[in-house]
């Protein structure tokens, strides 16, 4: 028996409560929002096992 854990995708929120990623997604046309929603669904289902073309391992630390 396999136990499947769903991941939870959380959007960045500033200390002032702004959610720039969610705001950007909401500003897009319906077709683009649907593509993003599908990709987020895949991320929630497969997490770190989701590979190309949907997700890619970052090989270095992000710039600050």
N, C-alpha and C. Protein backbone atom coordinates (compact mmCIF):
# COMPACT_ATOMS: atom_id res chain seq x y z
N UNK A 1 0.84 -1.17 0.00
CA UNK A 1 0.00 0.00 0.00
C UNK A 1 0.89 1.25 0.00
N UNK A 2 0.59 2.16 -0.90
CA UNK A 2 1.39 3.37 -1.03
C UNK A 2 0.62 4.56 -0.44
N UNK A 3 1.28 5.30 0.43
CA UNK A 3 0.67 6.50 1.00
C UNK A 3 1.18 7.68 0.21
N UNK A 4 0.28 8.47 -0.34
CA UNK A 4 0.62 9.58 -1.20
C UNK A 4 0.44 10.89 -0.45
N UNK A 5 1.48 11.68 -0.35
CA UNK A 5 1.41 12.97 0.33
C UNK A 5 1.29 14.06 -0.71
N UNK A 6 0.25 14.86 -0.58
CA UNK A 6 0.09 16.01 -1.47
C UNK A 6 0.90 17.17 -0.91
N UNK A 7 1.53 17.91 -1.79
CA UNK A 7 2.29 19.09 -1.42
C UNK A 7 1.35 20.29 -1.39
N UNK A 8 1.74 21.33 -0.70
CA UNK A 8 0.95 22.56 -0.66
C UNK A 8 1.81 23.68 -1.23
N UNK A 9 1.31 24.30 -2.28
CA UNK A 9 2.02 25.42 -2.90
C UNK A 9 1.59 26.69 -2.19
N UNK A 10 2.55 27.44 -1.71
CA UNK A 10 2.28 28.70 -1.02
C UNK A 10 2.89 29.84 -1.82
N UNK A 11 2.15 30.91 -1.95
CA UNK A 11 2.65 32.08 -2.67
C UNK A 11 3.32 33.04 -1.70
N UNK A 12 4.39 33.66 -2.16
CA UNK A 12 5.13 34.63 -1.36
C UNK A 12 4.21 35.77 -0.93
N UNK A 13 4.36 36.18 0.32
CA UNK A 13 3.61 37.31 0.85
C UNK A 13 4.58 38.25 1.57
N UNK A 14 4.50 39.54 1.26
CA UNK A 14 5.38 40.51 1.89
C UNK A 14 4.94 40.74 3.34
N UNK A 15 5.78 41.43 4.08
CA UNK A 15 5.45 41.75 5.48
C UNK A 15 4.23 42.66 5.57
N UNK A 16 3.91 43.34 4.48
CA UNK A 16 2.74 44.22 4.45
C UNK A 16 1.50 43.52 3.89
N UNK A 17 1.61 42.22 3.67
CA UNK A 17 0.46 41.45 3.22
C UNK A 17 0.24 41.41 1.72
N UNK A 18 1.15 42.00 0.95
CA UNK A 18 1.02 41.95 -0.51
C UNK A 18 1.45 40.58 -1.01
N UNK A 19 0.80 40.11 -2.07
CA UNK A 19 1.13 38.82 -2.69
C UNK A 19 1.43 39.06 -4.16
N UNK A 20 2.66 39.50 -4.48
CA UNK A 20 2.98 39.89 -5.86
C UNK A 20 2.83 38.76 -6.88
N UNK A 21 3.13 37.55 -6.51
CA UNK A 21 3.00 36.43 -7.45
C UNK A 21 1.52 36.19 -7.76
N UNK A 22 0.70 36.11 -6.72
CA UNK A 22 -0.74 35.91 -6.92
C UNK A 22 -1.34 37.08 -7.70
N UNK A 23 -0.90 38.30 -7.41
CA UNK A 23 -1.39 39.47 -8.14
C UNK A 23 -1.04 39.37 -9.62
N UNK A 24 0.19 38.95 -9.91
CA UNK A 24 0.62 38.80 -11.29
C UNK A 24 -0.23 37.75 -12.01
N UNK A 25 -0.41 36.60 -11.38
CA UNK A 25 -1.21 35.55 -12.00
C UNK A 25 -2.63 36.04 -12.27
N UNK A 26 -3.21 36.74 -11.32
CA UNK A 26 -4.57 37.26 -11.49
C UNK A 26 -4.66 38.30 -12.61
N UNK A 27 -3.55 38.94 -12.95
CA UNK A 27 -3.56 39.95 -14.01
C UNK A 27 -3.51 39.34 -15.41
N UNK A 28 -3.24 38.05 -15.50
CA UNK A 28 -3.09 37.39 -16.80
C UNK A 28 -4.45 37.06 -17.42
N UNK A 29 -4.41 36.75 -18.72
CA UNK A 29 -5.62 36.33 -19.41
C UNK A 29 -6.03 34.93 -18.94
N UNK A 30 -7.25 34.55 -19.26
CA UNK A 30 -7.82 33.28 -18.78
C UNK A 30 -6.99 32.08 -19.20
N UNK A 31 -6.53 32.04 -20.44
CA UNK A 31 -5.75 30.90 -20.93
C UNK A 31 -4.44 30.74 -20.16
N UNK A 32 -3.75 31.85 -19.93
CA UNK A 32 -2.49 31.81 -19.18
C UNK A 32 -2.71 31.38 -17.74
N UNK A 33 -3.78 31.89 -17.10
CA UNK A 33 -4.09 31.47 -15.73
C UNK A 33 -4.38 29.98 -15.67
N UNK A 34 -5.06 29.44 -16.69
CA UNK A 34 -5.37 28.02 -16.72
C UNK A 34 -4.10 27.18 -16.82
N UNK A 35 -3.14 27.62 -17.63
CA UNK A 35 -1.86 26.90 -17.75
C UNK A 35 -1.12 26.89 -16.41
N UNK A 36 -1.10 28.04 -15.75
CA UNK A 36 -0.42 28.13 -14.45
C UNK A 36 -1.13 27.26 -13.42
N UNK A 37 -2.46 27.28 -13.42
CA UNK A 37 -3.22 26.46 -12.47
C UNK A 37 -2.92 24.98 -12.67
N UNK A 38 -2.79 24.54 -13.91
CA UNK A 38 -2.47 23.14 -14.20
C UNK A 38 -1.07 22.79 -13.67
N UNK A 39 -0.13 23.68 -13.87
CA UNK A 39 1.23 23.43 -13.40
C UNK A 39 1.28 23.40 -11.87
N UNK A 40 0.56 24.28 -11.23
CA UNK A 40 0.50 24.29 -9.76
C UNK A 40 -0.14 22.98 -9.26
N UNK A 41 -1.18 22.52 -9.94
CA UNK A 41 -1.79 21.24 -9.59
C UNK A 41 -0.77 20.10 -9.67
N UNK A 42 0.04 20.10 -10.73
CA UNK A 42 1.08 19.08 -10.87
C UNK A 42 2.12 19.18 -9.77
N UNK A 43 2.51 20.40 -9.41
CA UNK A 43 3.46 20.58 -8.31
C UNK A 43 2.89 20.06 -7.00
N UNK A 44 1.62 20.31 -6.75
CA UNK A 44 0.99 19.82 -5.52
C UNK A 44 0.94 18.29 -5.50
N UNK A 45 0.73 17.70 -6.66
CA UNK A 45 0.63 16.24 -6.72
C UNK A 45 1.99 15.55 -6.66
N UNK A 46 2.98 16.06 -7.40
CA UNK A 46 4.25 15.36 -7.53
C UNK A 46 5.39 15.98 -6.73
N UNK A 47 5.23 17.21 -6.27
CA UNK A 47 6.26 17.85 -5.45
C UNK A 47 7.62 17.85 -6.10
N UNK A 48 8.64 17.45 -5.36
CA UNK A 48 10.01 17.48 -5.85
C UNK A 48 10.29 16.43 -6.93
N UNK A 49 9.36 15.51 -7.15
CA UNK A 49 9.54 14.52 -8.21
C UNK A 49 9.09 15.03 -9.57
N UNK A 50 8.44 16.18 -9.61
CA UNK A 50 8.01 16.76 -10.88
C UNK A 50 9.23 17.28 -11.61
N UNK A 51 9.41 16.85 -12.82
CA UNK A 51 10.59 17.25 -13.59
C UNK A 51 10.25 18.12 -14.77
N UNK A 52 11.19 18.17 -15.70
CA UNK A 52 11.03 18.95 -16.91
C UNK A 52 9.83 18.42 -17.70
N UNK A 53 9.09 19.24 -18.35
CA UNK A 53 9.32 20.66 -18.60
C UNK A 53 8.66 21.57 -17.56
N UNK A 54 8.13 21.01 -16.48
CA UNK A 54 7.38 21.81 -15.51
C UNK A 54 8.24 22.39 -14.39
N UNK A 55 9.26 21.67 -14.00
CA UNK A 55 10.10 22.11 -12.89
C UNK A 55 11.55 21.72 -13.17
N UNK A 56 12.45 22.49 -12.63
CA UNK A 56 13.87 22.25 -12.86
C UNK A 56 14.63 22.51 -11.56
N UNK A 57 15.60 21.66 -11.28
CA UNK A 57 16.44 21.81 -10.09
C UNK A 57 17.30 23.07 -10.23
N UNK A 58 17.35 23.88 -9.19
CA UNK A 58 18.22 25.05 -9.19
C UNK A 58 19.60 24.62 -8.76
N UNK A 59 20.60 24.95 -9.56
CA UNK A 59 21.95 24.46 -9.26
C UNK A 59 22.77 25.42 -8.40
N UNK A 60 22.25 26.61 -8.15
CA UNK A 60 22.99 27.53 -7.27
C UNK A 60 21.98 28.34 -6.46
N UNK A 61 22.51 28.99 -5.43
CA UNK A 61 21.65 29.80 -4.57
C UNK A 61 21.17 31.04 -5.30
N UNK A 62 19.94 31.45 -5.07
CA UNK A 62 19.45 32.67 -5.70
C UNK A 62 20.23 33.89 -5.22
N UNK A 63 20.29 34.91 -6.06
CA UNK A 63 20.97 36.14 -5.68
C UNK A 63 20.14 36.89 -4.65
N UNK A 64 20.81 37.64 -3.81
CA UNK A 64 20.11 38.46 -2.81
C UNK A 64 20.29 39.91 -3.12
